Amino acid sequence: MSKNRYPRLLGLVPLLGTLLLGGCNMTLLNPTGQVGLEQRNLIITATLLMLLVVVPVIVMTFLFAWKYRASNKDAVYTPKWSHSTKIEVAVWTIPVLIIVALGYITYISTHKLDPYRPIESDVKPVTIEVVALDWKWLFIYPEQGIATVNKIVFPAHTPVNFRITSDAVMNSFFIPGLGGQIYAMAGMTTKLHLIADRNAEMDGISANYSGAGFTGMKFKAIATSQEDFDAWVSEVKKAPKQLEQAEYAALAKPSQNNPVELYSSVTPNLFQTIVDKYEGMKPGKPLKHEKKEKEVAATDMDSNSHSAAGAEE
């Protein structure tokens, strides 16, 4: 029985190789955009710094186990040993220096890679408004006056300014090939600035569990040339569907594995309308109509007080 065991174990070797090869094309480590590239470099740098502690510890574990094994008669036996200044200096100084280096790199990178920080470029950025729905992504191009579901197209070498919110539960907008992810929350607007350094087709995902249709909440992000982008916009403007209030109300209903949809026009300020509808959820913040009523009431009171003062005079 033991003779048959080893051939079976050898048969698992190709499977192990396949698993290892599965990490050869990780999108996170092979990014398309400037932000993703800098984030990848940060991950690699931080990992290498931490390995300065991990690798020596692993090596010394095997080294000490071999050197001080019971059969080694040449190993020095010192049962009363209790202190070594050199070891104390090494085990404290090296980790502290690594932590200081990591802290410095993290501080600089946190500000440099701030998702709210616009990308410096001579090219005019493209603005895309993102709305997380159950379970699909709505993308509005306010400057072009079009909208799409589960697909975005933008020119390469051009900054893309994302404004993100949710008309459902909290979600997370993430394009691993470009770098960075940001949360989408109802009643709030978050921002993300990205740029692609070459033409590419990338996968976009929801990075925050949001219910039954979470696994199908994916979209395509396509970076193309400016000419192809302009042609695509012209093509979308010929689409039969228009994203008016009634159409949006139907779209916002929960649905799974939605196909790509194109809208030739969008209700003006739809994104801000979606954000504003949740204002009443914010403690202490009145709704817009309440603000107007209070302003009108205050104006009437001022007018009445002035009239009364005039009558007394």
C-alpha atoms as a PDB file:
ATOM      1  CA  MET A   1       0.000   0.000   0.000  1.00  0.00           C
ATOM      2  CA  SER A   2       2.895   2.347   0.789  1.00  0.00           C
ATOM      3  CA  LYS A   3       4.326   1.616  -2.679  1.00  0.00           C
ATOM      4  CA  ASN A   4       1.214   3.051  -4.336  1.00  0.00           C
ATOM      5  CA  ARG A   5       1.218   6.127  -2.122  1.00  0.00           C
ATOM      6  CA  TYR A   6       4.257   7.881  -3.656  1.00  0.00           C
ATOM      7  CA  PRO A   7       3.103   7.765  -7.304  1.00  0.00           C
ATOM      8  CA  ARG A   8      -0.120   9.395  -6.170  1.00  0.00           C
ATOM      9  CA  LEU A   9       1.797  12.130  -4.372  1.00  0.00           C
ATOM     10  CA  LEU A  10       3.940  12.683  -7.464  1.00  0.00           C
ATOM     11  CA  GLY A  11       0.756  13.119  -9.447  1.00  0.00           C
ATOM     12  CA  LEU A  12      -0.055  16.170  -7.319  1.00  0.00           C
ATOM     13  CA  VAL A  13       3.152  17.952  -8.392  1.00  0.00           C
ATOM     14  CA  PRO A  14       1.720  19.215 -11.729  1.00  0.00           C
ATOM     15  CA  LEU A  15      -1.356  20.441  -9.855  1.00  0.00           C
ATOM     16  CA  LEU A  16       0.873  22.357  -7.441  1.00  0.00           C
ATOM     17  CA  GLY A  17       2.696  23.904 -10.400  1.00  0.00           C
ATOM     18  CA  THR A  18      -0.619  24.969 -11.915  1.00  0.00           C
ATOM     19  CA  LEU A  19      -1.623  26.672  -8.675  1.00  0.00           C
ATOM     20  CA  LEU A  20       1.684  28.546  -8.562  1.00  0.00           C
ATOM     21  CA  LEU A  21       1.325  29.656 -12.186  1.00  0.00           C
ATOM     22  CA  GLY A  22      -2.093  31.061 -11.345  1.00  0.00           C
ATOM     23  CA  GLY A  23      -0.402  34.014  -9.672  1.00  0.00           C
ATOM     24  CA  CYS A  24       1.763  34.947 -12.666  1.00  0.00           C
ATOM     25  CA  ASN A  25      -0.743  37.423 -14.082  1.00  0.00           C
ATOM     26  CA  MET A  26      -2.204  39.090 -11.021  1.00  0.00           C
ATOM     27  CA  THR A  27      -3.934  42.294 -12.119  1.00  0.00           C
ATOM     28  CA  LEU A  28      -3.006  44.040  -8.894  1.00  0.00           C
ATOM     29  CA  LEU A  29       0.701  43.500  -9.637  1.00  0.00           C
ATOM     30  CA  ASN A  30       0.393  44.246 -13.354  1.00  0.00           C
ATOM     31  CA  PRO A  31      -1.556  47.527 -13.375  1.00  0.00           C
ATOM     32  CA  THR A  32      -2.514  49.676 -16.331  1.00  0.00           C
ATOM     33  CA  GLY A  33      -2.568  53.051 -14.611  1.00  0.00           C
ATOM     34  CA  GLN A  34      -0.175  55.399 -12.865  1.00  0.00           C
ATOM     35  CA  VAL A  35      -1.946  55.134  -9.506  1.00  0.00           C
ATOM     36  CA  GLY A  36      -1.997  51.338  -9.670  1.00  0.00           C
ATOM     37  CA  LEU A  37       1.714  51.274 -10.529  1.00  0.00           C
ATOM     38  CA  GLU A  38       2.623  53.407  -7.525  1.00  0.00           C
ATOM     39  CA  GLN A  39       0.418  51.283  -5.265  1.00  0.00           C
ATOM     40  CA  ARG A  40       2.113  48.125  -6.576  1.00  0.00           C
ATOM     41  CA  ASN A  41       5.542  49.605  -5.856  1.00  0.00           C
ATOM     42  CA  LEU A  42       4.378  50.486  -2.349  1.00  0.00           C
ATOM     43  CA  ILE A  43       3.170  46.913  -1.740  1.00  0.00           C
ATOM     44  CA  ILE A  44       6.469  45.446  -2.975  1.00  0.00           C
ATOM     45  CA  THR A  45       8.581  47.895  -0.945  1.00  0.00           C
ATOM     46  CA  ALA A  46       6.610  47.277   2.254  1.00  0.00           C
ATOM     47  CA  THR A  47       6.766  43.496   1.739  1.00  0.00           C
ATOM     48  CA  LEU A  48      10.543  43.518   1.198  1.00  0.00           C
ATOM     49  CA  LEU A  49      11.082  45.645   4.300  1.00  0.00           C
ATOM     50  CA  MET A  50       9.022  43.249   6.409  1.00  0.00           C
ATOM     51  CA  LEU A  51      10.905  40.274   4.959  1.00  0.00           C
ATOM     52  CA  LEU A  52      14.085  41.734   6.489  1.00  0.00           C
ATOM     53  CA  VAL A  53      12.663  40.495   9.795  1.00  0.00           C
ATOM     54  CA  VAL A  54      10.759  37.420   8.644  1.00  0.00           C
ATOM     55  CA  VAL A  55      13.474  35.741   6.533  1.00  0.00           C
ATOM     56  CA  PRO A  56      16.279  35.902   9.156  1.00  0.00           C
ATOM     57  CA  VAL A  57      13.903  34.542  11.815  1.00  0.00           C
ATOM     58  CA  ILE A  58      12.954  31.576   9.611  1.00  0.00           C
ATOM     59  CA  VAL A  59      16.598  30.905   8.690  1.00  0.00           C
ATOM     60  CA  MET A  60      17.750  31.106  12.316  1.00  0.00           C
ATOM     61  CA  THR A  61      14.956  28.768  13.412  1.00  0.00           C
ATOM     62  CA  PHE A  62      16.287  25.981  11.179  1.00  0.00           C
ATOM     63  CA  LEU A  63      19.911  26.903  11.904  1.00  0.00           C
ATOM     64  CA  PHE A  64      19.490  26.750  15.682  1.00  0.00           C
ATOM     65  CA  ALA A  65      17.471  23.538  15.470  1.00  0.00           C
ATOM     66  CA  TRP A  66      20.315  21.947  13.485  1.00  0.00           C
ATOM     67  CA  LYS A  67      23.180  23.353  15.526  1.00  0.00           C
ATOM     68  CA  TYR A  68      21.743  22.506  18.948  1.00  0.00           C
ATOM     69  CA  ARG A  69      20.281  19.110  18.091  1.00  0.00           C
ATOM     70  CA  ALA A  70      20.775  16.362  20.661  1.00  0.00           C
ATOM     71  CA  SER A  71      23.233  14.430  18.489  1.00  0.00           C
ATOM     72  CA  ASN A  72      25.610  17.400  18.049  1.00  0.00           C
ATOM     73  CA  LYS A  73      28.271  16.858  20.717  1.00  0.00           C
ATOM     74  CA  ASP A  74      30.173  20.020  19.670  1.00  0.00           C
ATOM     75  CA  ALA A  75      27.317  22.380  20.584  1.00  0.00           C
ATOM     76  CA  VAL A  76      28.029  24.501  23.657  1.00  0.00           C
ATOM     77  CA  TYR A  77      25.615  23.851  26.520  1.00  0.00           C
ATOM     78  CA  THR A  78      25.049  26.952  28.681  1.00  0.00           C
ATOM     79  CA  PRO A  79      22.023  26.379  30.926  1.00  0.00           C
ATOM     80  CA  LYS A  80      22.736  29.486  33.047  1.00  0.00           C
ATOM     81  CA  TRP A  81      22.917  31.917  30.097  1.00  0.00           C
ATOM     82  CA  SER A  82      20.433  34.776  30.489  1.00  0.00           C
ATOM     83  CA  HIS A  83      21.602  37.920  28.667  1.00  0.00           C
ATOM     84  CA  SER A  84      23.417  39.182  25.569  1.00  0.00           C
ATOM     85  CA  THR A  85      23.772  42.895  24.863  1.00  0.00           C
ATOM     86  CA  LYS A  86      24.497  42.251  21.187  1.00  0.00           C
ATOM     87  CA  ILE A  87      21.319  40.212  20.757  1.00  0.00           C
ATOM     88  CA  GLU A  88      19.248  42.815  22.616  1.00  0.00           C
ATOM     89  CA  VAL A  89      20.593  45.589  20.376  1.00  0.00           C
ATOM     90  CA  ALA A  90      19.900  43.556  17.230  1.00  0.00           C
ATOM     91  CA  VAL A  91      16.369  42.408  18.102  1.00  0.00           C
ATOM     92  CA  TRP A  92      15.297  45.934  19.062  1.00  0.00           C
ATOM     93  CA  THR A  93      17.206  48.194  16.679  1.00  0.00           C
ATOM     94  CA  ILE A  94      16.471  46.399  13.407  1.00  0.00           C
ATOM     95  CA  PRO A  95      12.653  46.176  13.876  1.00  0.00           C
ATOM     96  CA  VAL A  96      12.498  49.792  15.084  1.00  0.00           C
ATOM     97  CA  LEU A  97      14.402  50.991  12.004  1.00  0.00           C
ATOM     98  CA  ILE A  98      12.092  48.990   9.745  1.00  0.00           C
ATOM     99  CA  ILE A  99       8.991  50.410  11.445  1.00  0.00           C
ATOM    100  CA  VAL A 100      10.368  53.955  11.093  1.00  0.00           C
ATOM    101  CA  ALA A 101      11.047  53.342   7.387  1.00  0.00           C
ATOM    102  CA  LEU A 102       7.567  51.871   6.873  1.00  0.00           C
ATOM    103  CA  GLY A 103       6.000  54.779   8.742  1.00  0.00           C
ATOM    104  CA  TYR A 104       7.815  57.332   6.593  1.00  0.00           C
ATOM    105  CA  ILE A 105       6.915  55.573   3.341  1.00  0.00           C
ATOM    106  CA  THR A 106       3.294  55.172   4.446  1.00  0.00           C
ATOM    107  CA  TYR A 107       2.979  58.838   5.418  1.00  0.00           C
ATOM    108  CA  ILE A 108       4.368  60.059   2.089  1.00  0.00           C
ATOM    109  CA  SER A 109       2.315  57.564   0.061  1.00  0.00           C
ATOM    110  CA  THR A 110      -0.904  58.317   1.950  1.00  0.00           C
ATOM    111  CA  HIS A 111      -0.780  61.938   0.818  1.00  0.00           C
ATOM    112  CA  LYS A 112       0.640  61.240  -2.636  1.00  0.00           C
ATOM    113  CA  LEU A 113      -1.960  58.563  -3.421  1.00  0.00           C
ATOM    114  CA  ASP A 114      -4.898  60.354  -1.790  1.00  0.00           C
ATOM    115  CA  PRO A 115      -7.919  59.288  -3.909  1.00  0.00           C
ATOM    116  CA  TYR A 116      -9.358  62.810  -3.593  1.00  0.00           C
ATOM    117  CA  ARG A 117      -6.197  64.376  -5.022  1.00  0.00           C
ATOM    118  CA  PRO A 118      -6.626  65.337  -8.709  1.00  0.00           C
ATOM    119  CA  ILE A 119      -4.067  63.931 -11.138  1.00  0.00           C
ATOM    120  CA  GLU A 120      -1.815  66.597 -12.620  1.00  0.00           C
ATOM    121  CA  SER A 121      -2.093  66.617 -16.401  1.00  0.00           C
ATOM    122  CA  ASP A 122      -2.263  69.013 -19.338  1.00  0.00           C
ATOM    123  CA  VAL A 123      -5.212  67.024 -20.684  1.00  0.00           C
ATOM    124  CA  LYS A 124      -8.751  67.971 -19.657  1.00  0.00           C
ATOM    125  CA  PRO A 125     -10.131  65.225 -17.377  1.00  0.00           C
ATOM    126  CA  VAL A 126     -13.239  63.167 -18.062  1.00  0.00           C
ATOM    127  CA  THR A 127     -15.880  63.191 -15.324  1.00  0.00           C
ATOM    128  CA  ILE A 128     -17.875  60.035 -14.634  1.00  0.00           C
ATOM    129  CA  GLU A 129     -20.583  59.878 -11.967  1.00  0.00           C
ATOM    130  CA  VAL A 130     -20.975  56.430 -10.428  1.00  0.00           C
ATOM    131  CA  VAL A 131     -24.109  55.135  -8.699  1.00  0.00           C
ATOM    132  CA  ALA A 132     -24.055  51.763  -6.935  1.00  0.00           C
ATOM    133  CA  LEU A 133     -27.400  49.984  -7.238  1.00  0.00           C
ATOM    134  CA  ASP A 134     -28.719  46.528  -6.328  1.00  0.00           C
ATOM    135  CA  TRP A 135     -26.818  44.816  -8.072  1.00  0.00           C
ATOM    136  CA  LYS A 136     -25.425  46.850 -10.905  1.00  0.00           C
ATOM    137  CA  TRP A 137     -23.367  49.955 -11.609  1.00  0.00           C
ATOM    138  CA  LEU A 138     -24.812  53.074 -13.229  1.00  0.00           C
ATOM    139  CA  PHE A 139     -22.335  55.420 -14.915  1.00  0.00           C
ATOM    140  CA  ILE A 140     -23.350  58.946 -15.888  1.00  0.00           C
ATOM    141  CA  TYR A 141     -21.262  61.146 -18.187  1.00  0.00           C
ATOM    142  CA  PRO A 142     -22.540  64.649 -17.269  1.00  0.00           C
ATOM    143  CA  GLU A 143     -20.464  66.475 -19.880  1.00  0.00           C
ATOM    144  CA  GLN A 144     -21.450  64.118 -22.692  1.00  0.00           C
ATOM    145  CA  GLY A 145     -25.067  63.765 -21.515  1.00  0.00           C
ATOM    146  CA  ILE A 146     -25.094  59.957 -21.717  1.00  0.00           C
ATOM    147  CA  ALA A 147     -25.225  57.035 -19.282  1.00  0.00           C
ATOM    148  CA  THR A 148     -24.358  53.344 -19.215  1.00  0.00           C
ATOM    149  CA  VAL A 149     -24.890  50.318 -17.011  1.00  0.00           C
ATOM    150  CA  ASN A 150     -22.000  47.969 -16.185  1.00  0.00           C
ATOM    151  CA  LYS A 151     -19.615  49.504 -18.715  1.00  0.00           C
ATOM    152  CA  ILE A 152     -17.394  52.578 -18.860  1.00  0.00           C
ATOM    153  CA  VAL A 153     -15.180  53.836 -21.649  1.00  0.00           C
ATOM    154  CA  PHE A 154     -12.620  56.612 -21.307  1.00  0.00           C
ATOM    155  CA  PRO A 155      -9.540  57.803 -23.187  1.00  0.00           C
ATOM    156  CA  ALA A 156      -6.102  56.590 -22.117  1.00  0.00           C
ATOM    157  CA  HIS A 157      -3.566  59.176 -20.912  1.00  0.00           C
ATOM    158  CA  THR A 158      -6.513  61.262 -19.683  1.00  0.00           C
ATOM    159  CA  PRO A 159      -7.366  61.772 -15.992  1.00  0.00           C
ATOM    160  CA  VAL A 160     -10.744  60.351 -15.010  1.00  0.00           C
ATOM    161  CA  ASN A 161     -12.568  62.042 -12.142  1.00  0.00           C
ATOM    162  CA  PHE A 162     -15.053  59.672 -10.535  1.00  0.00           C
ATOM    163  CA  ARG A 163     -17.833  61.002  -8.287  1.00  0.00           C
ATOM    164  CA  ILE A 164     -19.362  58.076  -6.438  1.00  0.00           C
ATOM    165  CA  THR A 165     -22.526  57.484  -4.430  1.00  0.00           C
ATOM    166  CA  SER A 166     -25.040  54.718  -3.734  1.00  0.00           C
ATOM    167  CA  ASP A 167     -28.783  54.411  -4.088  1.00  0.00           C
ATOM    168  CA  ALA A 168     -28.780  51.160  -2.138  1.00  0.00           C
ATOM    169  CA  VAL A 169     -26.624  49.640   0.591  1.00  0.00           C
ATOM    170  CA  MET A 170     -23.000  50.631   1.147  1.00  0.00           C
ATOM    171  CA  ASN A 171     -20.720  49.378  -1.607  1.00  0.00           C
ATOM    172  CA  SER A 172     -17.145  49.690  -2.870  1.00  0.00           C
ATOM    173  CA  PHE A 173     -16.042  50.792  -6.347  1.00  0.00           C
ATOM    174  CA  PHE A 174     -12.834  49.084  -7.499  1.00  0.00           C
ATOM    175  CA  ILE A 175     -10.931  48.747 -10.789  1.00  0.00           C
ATOM    176  CA  PRO A 176      -7.877  46.632  -9.813  1.00  0.00           C
ATOM    177  CA  GLY A 177      -6.116  47.356 -13.102  1.00  0.00           C
ATOM    178  CA  LEU A 178      -6.151  51.107 -12.459  1.00  0.00           C
ATOM    179  CA  GLY A 179      -5.622  51.096  -8.708  1.00  0.00           C
ATOM    180  CA  GLY A 180      -7.474  52.279  -5.651  1.00  0.00           C
ATOM    181  CA  GLN A 181     -10.951  51.579  -4.369  1.00  0.00           C
ATOM    182  CA  ILE A 182     -13.414  53.880  -2.697  1.00  0.00           C
ATOM    183  CA  TYR A 183     -16.657  53.302  -0.827  1.00  0.00           C
ATOM    184  CA  ALA A 184     -20.055  54.242  -2.242  1.00  0.00           C
ATOM    185  CA  MET A 185     -22.543  55.384   0.406  1.00  0.00           C
ATOM    186  CA  ALA A 186     -26.085  56.693   0.180  1.00  0.00           C
ATOM    187  CA  GLY A 187     -26.423  60.423   0.772  1.00  0.00           C
ATOM    188  CA  MET A 188     -22.694  60.976   0.344  1.00  0.00           C
ATOM    189  CA  THR A 189     -20.349  61.716  -2.547  1.00  0.00           C
ATOM    190  CA  THR A 190     -16.884  60.191  -2.558  1.00  0.00           C
ATOM    191  CA  LYS A 191     -14.190  60.852  -5.136  1.00  0.00           C
ATOM    192  CA  LEU A 192     -11.563  58.849  -6.968  1.00  0.00           C
ATOM    193  CA  HIS A 193      -9.013  60.053  -9.526  1.00  0.00           C
ATOM    194  CA  LEU A 194      -7.436  57.524 -11.898  1.00  0.00           C
ATOM    195  CA  ILE A 195      -5.610  57.456 -15.228  1.00  0.00           C
ATOM    196  CA  ALA A 196      -4.738  54.688 -17.704  1.00  0.00           C
ATOM    197  CA  ASP A 197      -1.299  54.758 -19.318  1.00  0.00           C
ATOM    198  CA  ARG A 198      -2.297  52.599 -22.300  1.00  0.00           C
ATOM    199  CA  ASN A 199      -5.294  51.180 -24.122  1.00  0.00           C
ATOM    200  CA  ALA A 200      -6.712  48.225 -22.222  1.00  0.00           C
ATOM    201  CA  GLU A 201      -9.857  46.391 -21.201  1.00  0.00           C
ATOM    202  CA  MET A 202     -10.135  45.883 -17.451  1.00  0.00           C
ATOM    203  CA  ASP A 203     -12.549  44.295 -15.014  1.00  0.00           C
ATOM    204  CA  GLY A 204     -14.306  46.387 -12.411  1.00  0.00           C
ATOM    205  CA  ILE A 205     -15.854  44.875  -9.311  1.00  0.00           C
ATOM    206  CA  SER A 206     -17.726  45.539  -6.120  1.00  0.00           C
ATOM    207  CA  ALA A 207     -15.226  45.086  -3.297  1.00  0.00           C
ATOM    208  CA  ASN A 208     -17.820  45.139  -0.519  1.00  0.00           C
ATOM    209  CA  TYR A 209     -20.397  42.398   0.078  1.00  0.00           C
ATOM    210  CA  SER A 210     -23.825  43.846  -0.637  1.00  0.00           C
ATOM    211  CA  GLY A 211     -26.266  40.965  -0.748  1.00  0.00           C
ATOM    212  CA  ALA A 212     -27.547  38.191  -2.985  1.00  0.00           C
ATOM    213  CA  GLY A 213     -26.379  39.653  -6.314  1.00  0.00           C
ATOM    214  CA  PHE A 214     -22.931  40.690  -5.106  1.00  0.00           C
ATOM    215  CA  THR A 215     -21.001  38.149  -7.212  1.00  0.00           C
ATOM    216  CA  GLY A 216     -22.552  39.431 -10.440  1.00  0.00           C
ATOM    217  CA  MET A 217     -21.973  43.104  -9.674  1.00  0.00           C
ATOM    218  CA  LYS A 218     -19.169  43.525 -12.200  1.00  0.00           C
ATOM    219  CA  PHE A 219     -18.461  45.904 -15.058  1.00  0.00           C
ATOM    220  CA  LYS A 220     -16.014  46.504 -17.890  1.00  0.00           C
ATOM    221  CA  ALA A 221     -13.646  49.474 -17.891  1.00  0.00           C
ATOM    222  CA  ILE A 222     -12.160  50.195 -21.315  1.00  0.00           C
ATOM    223  CA  ALA A 223      -9.323  52.651 -21.921  1.00  0.00           C
ATOM    224  CA  THR A 224      -9.078  53.643 -25.569  1.00  0.00           C
ATOM    225  CA  SER A 225      -7.799  56.399 -27.829  1.00  0.00           C
ATOM    226  CA  GLN A 226      -9.449  59.830 -27.826  1.00  0.00           C
ATOM    227  CA  GLU A 227     -10.776  59.236 -31.344  1.00  0.00           C
ATOM    228  CA  ASP A 228     -12.326  55.903 -30.384  1.00  0.00           C
ATOM    229  CA  PHE A 229     -13.798  57.454 -27.243  1.00  0.00           C
ATOM    230  CA  ASP A 230     -15.446  60.246 -29.254  1.00  0.00           C
ATOM    231  CA  ALA A 231     -16.797  57.670 -31.700  1.00  0.00           C
ATOM    232  CA  TRP A 232     -18.177  55.590 -28.820  1.00  0.00           C
ATOM    233  CA  VAL A 233     -19.925  58.636 -27.320  1.00  0.00           C
ATOM    234  CA  SER A 234     -21.518  59.380 -30.696  1.00  0.00           C
ATOM    235  CA  GLU A 235     -22.679  55.766 -30.909  1.00  0.00           C
ATOM    236  CA  VAL A 236     -24.219  55.846 -27.414  1.00  0.00           C
ATOM    237  CA  LYS A 237     -26.111  59.031 -28.295  1.00  0.00           C
ATOM    238  CA  LYS A 238     -27.932  56.992 -30.943  1.00  0.00           C
ATOM    239  CA  ALA A 239     -29.178  54.451 -28.372  1.00  0.00           C
ATOM    240  CA  PRO A 240     -32.994  54.188 -28.163  1.00  0.00           C
ATOM    241  CA  LYS A 241     -33.186  54.329 -24.362  1.00  0.00           C
ATOM    242  CA  GLN A 242     -33.259  57.568 -22.365  1.00  0.00           C
ATOM    243  CA  LEU A 243     -32.550  57.699 -18.645  1.00  0.00           C
ATOM    244  CA  GLU A 244     -35.506  59.696 -17.394  1.00  0.00           C
ATOM    245  CA  GLN A 245     -36.973  59.503 -13.884  1.00  0.00           C
ATOM    246  CA  ALA A 246     -39.369  56.667 -14.718  1.00  0.00           C
ATOM    247  CA  GLU A 247     -36.623  54.671 -16.435  1.00  0.00           C
ATOM    248  CA  TYR A 248     -34.283  55.234 -13.503  1.00  0.00           C
ATOM    249  CA  ALA A 249     -36.931  54.124 -10.992  1.00  0.00           C
ATOM    250  CA  ALA A 250     -37.234  50.834 -12.873  1.00  0.00           C
ATOM    251  CA  LEU A 251     -33.456  50.473 -13.142  1.00  0.00           C
ATOM    252  CA  ALA A 252     -32.965  51.055  -9.414  1.00  0.00           C
ATOM    253  CA  LYS A 253     -35.054  48.008  -8.500  1.00  0.00           C
ATOM    254  CA  PRO A 254     -32.971  45.008  -7.326  1.00  0.00           C
ATOM    255  CA  SER A 255     -31.846  42.750 -10.170  1.00  0.00           C
ATOM    256  CA  GLN A 256     -28.959  40.357 -10.739  1.00  0.00           C
ATOM    257  CA  ASN A 257     -26.439  39.736 -13.534  1.00  0.00           C
ATOM    258  CA  ASN A 258     -27.534  42.765 -15.515  1.00  0.00           C
ATOM    259  CA  PRO A 259     -26.357  43.160 -19.119  1.00  0.00           C
ATOM    260  CA  VAL A 260     -24.702  46.311 -20.438  1.00  0.00           C
ATOM    261  CA  GLU A 261     -27.215  49.067 -21.188  1.00  0.00           C
ATOM    262  CA  LEU A 262     -26.743  52.385 -22.991  1.00  0.00           C
ATOM    263  CA  TYR A 263     -28.737  55.605 -22.579  1.00  0.00           C
ATOM    264  CA  SER A 264     -28.610  58.371 -25.161  1.00  0.00           C
ATOM    265  CA  SER A 265     -29.639  61.062 -22.672  1.00  0.00           C
ATOM    266  CA  VAL A 266     -29.918  61.581 -18.921  1.00  0.00           C
ATOM    267  CA  THR A 267     -32.198  63.640 -16.715  1.00  0.00           C
ATOM    268  CA  PRO A 268     -30.211  66.772 -15.750  1.00  0.00           C
ATOM    269  CA  ASN A 269     -28.565  66.607 -12.310  1.00  0.00           C
ATOM    270  CA  LEU A 270     -29.741  63.025 -11.769  1.00  0.00           C
ATOM    271  CA  PHE A 271     -26.638  62.183  -9.734  1.00  0.00           C
ATOM    272  CA  GLN A 272     -27.157  65.075  -7.314  1.00  0.00           C
ATOM    273  CA  THR A 273     -30.849  64.223  -7.054  1.00  0.00           C
ATOM    274  CA  ILE A 274     -29.909  60.698  -5.959  1.00  0.00           C
ATOM    275  CA  VAL A 275     -27.533  62.086  -3.330  1.00  0.00           C
ATOM    276  CA  ASP A 276     -30.032  64.656  -2.040  1.00  0.00           C
ATOM    277  CA  LYS A 277     -32.871  62.150  -1.582  1.00  0.00           C
ATOM    278  CA  TYR A 278     -31.067  60.801   1.506  1.00  0.00           C
ATOM    279  CA  GLU A 279     -30.534  64.162   3.202  1.00  0.00           C
ATOM    280  CA  GLY A 280     -33.225  63.382   5.759  1.00  0.00           C
ATOM    281  CA  MET A 281     -31.106  60.456   7.017  1.00  0.00           C
ATOM    282  CA  LYS A 282     -28.461  62.848   8.335  1.00  0.00           C
ATOM    283  CA  PRO A 283     -29.178  63.694  12.002  1.00  0.00           C
ATOM    284  CA  GLY A 284     -29.793  67.385  12.554  1.00  0.00           C
ATOM    285  CA  LYS A 285     -29.737  68.268   8.865  1.00  0.00           C
ATOM    286  CA  PRO A 286     -33.119  69.453   7.548  1.00  0.00           C
ATOM    287  CA  LEU A 287     -34.429  68.565   4.137  1.00  0.00           C
ATOM    288  CA  LYS A 288     -34.198  71.176   1.401  1.00  0.00           C
ATOM    289  CA  HIS A 289     -37.938  71.899   1.441  1.00  0.00           C
ATOM    290  CA  GLU A 290     -37.718  72.389   5.222  1.00  0.00           C
ATOM    291  CA  LYS A 291     -34.892  74.872   4.724  1.00  0.00           C
ATOM    292  CA  LYS A 292     -36.994  76.830   2.234  1.00  0.00           C
ATOM    293  CA  GLU A 293     -40.002  76.831   4.582  1.00  0.00           C
ATOM    294  CA  LYS A 294     -37.839  78.158   7.425  1.00  0.00           C
ATOM    295  CA  GLU A 295     -36.341  80.811   5.160  1.00  0.00           C
ATOM    296  CA  VAL A 296     -39.815  81.922   4.052  1.00  0.00           C
ATOM    297  CA  ALA A 297     -41.030  81.963   7.664  1.00  0.00           C
ATOM    298  CA  ALA A 298     -38.015  84.011   8.741  1.00  0.00           C
ATOM    299  CA  THR A 299     -38.608  86.473   5.902  1.00  0.00           C
ATOM    300  CA  ASP A 300     -42.288  86.836   6.894  1.00  0.00           C
ATOM    301  CA  MET A 301     -41.326  87.447  10.533  1.00  0.00           C
ATOM    302  CA  ASP A 302     -38.841  90.121   9.498  1.00  0.00           C
ATOM    303  CA  SER A 303     -41.466  91.783   7.300  1.00  0.00           C
ATOM    304  CA  ASN A 304     -44.063  91.702  10.102  1.00  0.00           C
ATOM    305  CA  SER A 305     -41.629  93.136  12.640  1.00  0.00           C
ATOM    306  CA  HIS A 306     -40.716  95.977  10.276  1.00  0.00           C
ATOM    307  CA  SER A 307     -44.404  96.665   9.618  1.00  0.00           C
ATOM    308  CA  ALA A 308     -45.169  96.721  13.353  1.00  0.00           C
ATOM    309  CA  ALA A 309     -42.259  99.041  14.008  1.00  0.00           C
ATOM    310  CA  GLY A 310     -43.485 101.384  11.268  1.00  0.00           C
ATOM    311  CA  ALA A 311     -46.991 101.404  12.727  1.00  0.00           C
ATOM    312  CA  GLU A 312     -45.704 102.327  16.203  1.00  0.00           C
ATOM    313  CA  GLU A 313     -43.750 105.222  14.750  1.00  0.00           C
END
